[in-house]
Amino acid sequence: MAEQKKAPLLKKEEDYVKALEGFITPDQDQVVLLLDYDGTLAPLTEELSVMPKDTEINIKKLAANEKIFMVVFSGRELNEIKNHLKFPNVTYAGNHGLEVEYPSGKKFKIEMPEELLEKHNKLVAELKEKVVCSGAWVEDKKISVTYHYKGVTDKLKAKLIAEAKGLIQSHGFQLIETPYALEGKPRVNWDKGEGAKMILEKHFDADWAKNLKIIYVGDDTTDEDAIKVLHGIGKTFRVSELPTLKTYANYQIKTVEEVGWLLKAVQANYEKKKKA
């Protein structure tokens, strides 16, 4: 049974090479890259931000590789993340996998119950009205919501946190406390883990877990659901600066910039093949 624990922190470029050593055989393996966007490939901000240059360079190379199936997840709407990146050969998963579009143009969408959507929208509106001030902001993830308070002064912080907690719980959402943020998750059987499974089953088949080399990278509590699903199947990485982080992931990455080192290490497997 998988359990959350402290994972090895990767500190240098060579650590990433070692973490993937022997995992990918370029000529033979179908590799799957499941990548979160906000807070993983690019800094988490209210508006979509740009990726570090090295990350963008390697993403483009990896996306063009026919032996790699790449999925970019976002809590934002599908069209928002797709129009921001505009990379061909990438599967886009908006709203944590509720909306998916494959490179072929094929799409699918999971409809959430109307009652749940109404509850969600009311909670988002109330959080924005009552506790967004002094640097605090609300991230609407469509199936969950995050209240960010990292920029709030200590004088206001306790009051705003208490009020936000009360609002999340009063709307019937599960409250998850993380460093500098509160997460409100609906009590339903859908999360990024379910999204990842559905994407892979639809594109490959029911035996995807036996036939693919999967790498998952994410920074959020919502990513833990997918990381748990992939426990013992692929290589998983959690992005967090928290020194006491407990995760289902195999490894911890400290910063968004260092995610670029991981992508470079993946790409290095294919560069070696070219030189051979």
Protein backbone atom coordinates (compact mmCIF):
# COMPACT_ATOMS: atom_id res chain seq x y z
CA MET A 1 0.00 0.00 0.00
CA ALA A 2 1.43 3.35 -1.04
CA GLU A 3 2.05 5.89 1.69
CA GLN A 4 3.24 9.48 1.70
CA LYS A 5 6.78 9.91 2.99
CA LYS A 6 9.84 12.09 2.55
CA ALA A 7 11.30 11.56 -0.93
CA PRO A 8 14.94 12.05 -2.00
CA LEU A 9 15.55 15.67 -3.01
CA LEU A 10 17.31 16.02 -6.37
CA LYS A 11 19.89 18.82 -6.08
CA LYS A 12 22.21 18.69 -9.11
CA GLU A 13 21.82 18.00 -12.82
CA GLU A 14 23.61 14.67 -12.46
CA ASP A 15 21.01 13.59 -9.85
CA TYR A 16 18.35 13.73 -12.57
CA VAL A 17 20.45 11.62 -14.91
CA LYS A 18 20.90 9.01 -12.14
CA ALA A 19 17.17 9.05 -11.30
CA LEU A 20 16.37 7.99 -14.89
CA GLU A 21 19.33 5.64 -15.36
CA GLY A 22 18.25 2.46 -17.17
CA PHE A 23 14.59 3.53 -17.23
CA ILE A 24 14.30 4.47 -20.92
CA THR A 25 15.42 2.37 -23.89
CA PRO A 26 14.97 4.88 -26.73
CA ASP A 27 14.62 2.33 -29.58
CA GLN A 28 12.05 0.18 -27.79
CA ASP A 29 10.03 2.04 -25.17
CA GLN A 30 6.85 4.04 -25.59
CA VAL A 31 7.45 6.84 -23.11
CA VAL A 32 4.65 8.90 -21.55
CA LEU A 33 5.33 12.32 -20.04
CA LEU A 34 2.49 13.56 -17.81
CA LEU A 35 3.33 17.15 -16.89
CA ASP A 36 1.46 19.68 -14.81
CA TYR A 37 1.79 23.26 -16.07
CA ASP A 38 1.25 25.87 -13.32
CA GLY A 39 3.91 25.54 -10.63
CA THR A 40 5.71 22.75 -12.51
CA LEU A 41 6.62 23.76 -16.07
CA ALA A 42 6.09 27.46 -15.30
CA PRO A 43 5.74 29.60 -12.16
CA LEU A 44 2.29 29.63 -10.56
CA THR A 45 0.68 33.06 -11.01
CA GLU A 46 -2.88 34.34 -11.42
CA GLU A 47 -2.42 34.61 -15.19
CA LEU A 48 -0.62 31.91 -17.18
CA SER A 49 3.13 32.53 -17.04
CA VAL A 50 5.89 31.52 -19.45
CA MET A 51 8.20 28.57 -19.04
CA PRO A 52 11.93 29.02 -18.35
CA LYS A 53 13.80 29.00 -21.69
CA ASP A 54 15.59 25.66 -21.13
CA THR A 55 12.29 23.99 -20.23
CA GLU A 56 10.63 25.32 -23.38
CA ILE A 57 13.50 24.15 -25.60
CA ASN A 58 13.38 20.59 -24.23
CA ILE A 59 9.57 20.44 -24.22
CA LYS A 60 9.57 21.24 -27.95
CA LYS A 61 12.18 18.54 -28.66
CA LEU A 62 10.36 15.91 -26.59
CA ALA A 63 6.93 16.77 -28.04
CA ALA A 64 8.31 16.26 -31.56
CA ASN A 65 9.56 12.75 -30.68
CA GLU A 66 7.21 10.05 -32.03
CA LYS A 67 8.26 7.65 -29.25
CA ILE A 68 6.93 10.06 -26.61
CA PHE A 69 3.28 10.68 -25.73
CA MET A 70 3.11 14.00 -23.86
CA VAL A 71 0.21 15.28 -21.79
CA VAL A 72 0.13 18.76 -20.27
CA PHE A 73 -2.33 19.10 -17.36
CA SER A 74 -3.80 22.34 -16.10
CA GLY A 75 -6.46 23.31 -13.62
CA ARG A 76 -7.46 25.98 -16.13
CA GLU A 77 -9.84 25.56 -19.05
CA LEU A 78 -8.65 23.48 -21.99
CA ASN A 79 -8.63 26.30 -24.56
CA GLU A 80 -6.72 28.61 -22.20
CA ILE A 81 -3.76 26.24 -21.77
CA LYS A 82 -3.86 25.06 -25.41
CA ASN A 83 -3.87 28.60 -26.84
CA HIS A 84 -1.10 29.61 -24.44
CA LEU A 85 1.30 26.82 -25.46
CA LYS A 86 0.27 26.13 -29.07
CA PHE A 87 2.52 23.07 -29.29
CA PRO A 88 1.50 20.41 -31.83
CA ASN A 89 1.84 16.73 -30.86
CA VAL A 90 0.74 17.43 -27.27
CA THR A 91 -2.38 16.17 -25.53
CA TYR A 92 -3.93 18.96 -23.46
CA ALA A 93 -5.89 18.16 -20.30
CA GLY A 94 -7.81 21.11 -18.91
CA ASN A 95 -9.75 21.23 -15.65
CA HIS A 96 -7.53 18.43 -14.25
CA GLY A 97 -8.49 16.03 -17.04
CA LEU A 98 -12.21 16.81 -17.24
CA GLU A 99 -11.59 18.20 -20.75
CA VAL A 100 -9.04 16.53 -23.02
CA GLU A 101 -7.90 17.14 -26.58
CA TYR A 102 -5.48 14.81 -28.38
CA PRO A 103 -3.13 16.01 -31.16
CA SER A 104 -5.50 14.43 -33.71
CA GLY A 105 -8.20 16.89 -32.64
CA LYS A 106 -10.21 14.16 -30.91
CA LYS A 107 -11.78 15.46 -27.68
CA PHE A 108 -13.67 14.20 -24.68
CA LYS A 109 -15.25 15.97 -21.77
CA ILE A 110 -16.55 14.70 -18.43
CA GLU A 111 -19.60 16.61 -17.26
CA MET A 112 -19.74 17.29 -13.53
CA PRO A 113 -23.17 17.23 -11.83
CA GLU A 114 -24.97 20.58 -12.12
CA GLU A 115 -25.52 20.72 -8.35
CA LEU A 116 -21.77 20.37 -7.71
CA LEU A 117 -20.91 23.07 -10.27
CA GLU A 118 -23.35 25.46 -8.59
CA LYS A 119 -21.80 24.77 -5.18
CA HIS A 120 -18.33 25.27 -6.62
CA ASN A 121 -19.20 28.57 -8.31
CA LYS A 122 -20.83 29.90 -5.13
CA LEU A 123 -17.74 29.04 -3.07
CA VAL A 124 -15.39 30.71 -5.58
CA ALA A 125 -17.56 33.85 -5.68
CA GLU A 126 -17.77 34.06 -1.89
CA LEU A 127 -14.01 33.57 -1.42
CA LYS A 128 -13.31 36.31 -3.98
CA GLU A 129 -15.77 38.64 -2.31
CA LYS A 130 -14.74 38.11 1.31
CA VAL A 131 -11.06 37.09 1.56
CA VAL A 132 -9.29 38.35 -1.56
CA CYS A 133 -7.20 41.32 -0.43
CA SER A 134 -3.65 42.30 0.56
CA GLY A 135 -2.00 39.85 -1.88
CA ALA A 136 -4.35 36.89 -1.34
CA TRP A 137 -5.99 35.38 -4.43
CA VAL A 138 -8.28 32.56 -5.51
CA GLU A 139 -7.30 29.91 -8.07
CA ASP A 140 -10.43 28.44 -9.65
CA LYS A 141 -9.57 24.90 -10.75
CA LYS A 142 -13.14 24.13 -11.90
CA ILE A 143 -13.40 20.95 -9.83
CA SER A 144 -11.53 22.33 -6.82
CA VAL A 145 -10.46 25.72 -5.56
CA THR A 146 -7.28 27.03 -3.93
CA TYR A 147 -7.01 30.09 -1.73
CA HIS A 148 -3.42 31.47 -1.90
CA TYR A 149 -2.22 33.70 0.95
CA LYS A 150 1.59 33.65 0.57
CA GLY A 151 1.82 37.43 0.04
CA VAL A 152 -0.40 38.43 2.98
CA THR A 153 1.12 40.23 5.98
CA ASP A 154 1.26 38.39 9.31
CA LYS A 155 -1.12 40.94 10.79
CA LEU A 156 -3.99 39.91 8.47
CA LYS A 157 -3.03 36.30 7.77
CA ALA A 158 -4.69 34.50 10.72
CA LYS A 159 -8.01 36.31 10.25
CA LEU A 160 -8.17 35.65 6.49
CA ILE A 161 -7.16 31.99 6.86
CA ALA A 162 -9.82 31.39 9.52
CA GLU A 163 -12.50 33.01 7.37
CA ALA A 164 -11.46 31.12 4.22
CA LYS A 165 -11.44 27.79 6.11
CA GLY A 166 -14.96 28.48 7.36
CA LEU A 167 -16.21 29.28 3.85
CA ILE A 168 -14.70 26.14 2.29
CA GLN A 169 -16.18 23.88 4.96
CA SER A 170 -19.58 25.60 5.02
CA HIS A 171 -20.01 24.78 1.30
CA GLY A 172 -19.38 21.09 1.99
CA PHE A 173 -15.90 20.89 0.45
CA GLN A 174 -13.03 18.89 1.92
CA LEU A 175 -10.43 21.27 3.40
CA ILE A 176 -6.75 20.52 2.72
CA GLU A 177 -4.12 22.77 4.30
CA THR A 178 -0.84 23.26 2.43
CA PRO A 179 2.00 25.76 2.93
CA TYR A 180 0.65 29.21 1.98
CA ALA A 181 -2.62 27.84 0.60
CA LEU A 182 -5.95 26.21 1.44
CA GLU A 183 -7.45 23.69 -0.96
CA GLY A 184 -11.18 22.99 -1.21
CA LYS A 185 -11.97 19.67 -2.91
CA PRO A 186 -15.47 18.41 -3.72
CA ARG A 187 -16.44 15.08 -2.20
CA VAL A 188 -16.67 13.23 -5.53
CA ASN A 189 -14.83 10.36 -7.19
CA TRP A 190 -12.85 12.46 -9.66
CA ASP A 191 -9.30 13.73 -9.44
CA LYS A 192 -6.12 13.96 -11.51
CA GLY A 193 -5.48 10.25 -10.93
CA GLU A 194 -8.79 9.35 -12.56
CA GLY A 195 -8.00 11.83 -15.34
CA ALA A 196 -4.59 10.30 -16.03
CA LYS A 197 -6.00 6.76 -16.12
CA MET A 198 -8.78 7.74 -18.52
CA ILE A 199 -6.41 9.56 -20.90
CA LEU A 200 -4.05 6.57 -21.05
CA GLU A 201 -6.82 3.97 -21.41
CA LYS A 202 -8.47 5.89 -24.25
CA HIS A 203 -5.20 6.46 -26.14
CA PHE A 204 -3.54 3.10 -25.47
CA ASP A 205 -5.59 0.28 -23.90
CA ALA A 206 -6.56 -1.25 -20.55
CA ASP A 207 -3.04 -2.75 -20.20
CA TRP A 208 -1.30 0.64 -20.40
CA ALA A 209 0.42 0.15 -17.04
CA LYS A 210 2.35 -2.90 -18.34
CA ASN A 211 3.40 -1.44 -21.67
CA LEU A 212 4.47 2.16 -21.03
CA LYS A 213 7.39 3.97 -19.38
CA ILE A 214 5.62 6.79 -17.52
CA ILE A 215 7.08 9.94 -15.98
CA TYR A 216 4.79 12.22 -13.97
CA VAL A 217 5.73 15.67 -12.65
CA GLY A 218 3.49 17.93 -10.56
CA ASP A 219 3.64 20.46 -7.74
CA ASP A 220 0.22 20.38 -6.12
CA THR A 221 -1.82 18.35 -3.66
CA THR A 222 -4.07 17.53 -6.64
CA ASP A 223 -1.04 15.89 -8.31
CA GLU A 224 -0.68 13.49 -5.38
CA ASP A 225 -3.81 11.64 -6.59
CA ALA A 226 -2.14 10.90 -9.94
CA ILE A 227 1.22 10.15 -8.34
CA LYS A 228 -0.49 7.61 -6.05
CA VAL A 229 -2.16 5.90 -9.04
CA LEU A 230 1.25 5.59 -10.72
CA HIS A 231 3.03 4.30 -7.61
CA GLY A 232 5.19 1.33 -8.60
CA ILE A 233 4.38 1.85 -12.31
CA GLY A 234 6.44 4.86 -13.41
CA LYS A 235 8.86 7.50 -12.16
CA THR A 236 7.13 10.30 -10.27
CA PHE A 237 8.37 13.72 -9.18
CA ARG A 238 6.82 16.33 -6.85
CA VAL A 239 7.88 19.97 -7.13
CA SER A 240 8.04 21.69 -3.73
CA GLU A 241 10.42 23.83 -1.72
CA LEU A 242 8.98 22.44 1.53
CA PRO A 243 11.77 20.66 3.47
CA THR A 244 9.25 18.53 5.40
CA LEU A 245 7.24 17.46 2.32
CA LYS A 246 5.59 14.05 2.48
CA THR A 247 4.63 12.66 -0.91
CA TYR A 248 3.77 9.51 -2.87
CA ALA A 249 6.41 10.57 -5.42
CA ASN A 250 9.74 8.83 -5.96
CA TYR A 251 11.63 12.13 -5.91
CA GLN A 252 11.29 15.77 -4.86
CA ILE A 253 12.30 18.67 -7.12
CA LYS A 254 12.80 22.01 -5.39
CA THR A 255 12.01 24.58 -8.10
CA VAL A 256 10.32 25.11 -11.46
CA GLU A 257 13.73 25.86 -13.00
CA GLU A 258 15.02 22.45 -11.94
CA VAL A 259 12.15 20.72 -13.76
CA GLY A 260 14.09 21.80 -16.85
CA TRP A 261 16.98 19.59 -15.66
CA LEU A 262 14.64 16.58 -15.56
CA LEU A 263 13.40 17.23 -19.12
CA LYS A 264 17.01 17.67 -20.25
CA ALA A 265 17.86 14.29 -18.68
CA VAL A 266 14.96 12.64 -20.56
CA GLN A 267 16.07 14.25 -23.82
CA ALA A 268 19.67 13.12 -23.20
CA ASN A 269 18.56 9.50 -23.73
CA TYR A 270 17.62 10.36 -27.31
CA GLU A 271 20.70 12.54 -27.92
CA LYS A 272 22.88 9.54 -26.96
CA LYS A 273 21.07 7.41 -29.52
CA LYS A 274 21.80 9.96 -32.27
CA LYS A 275 25.52 9.97 -31.44
CA ALA A 276 25.75 6.17 -31.28
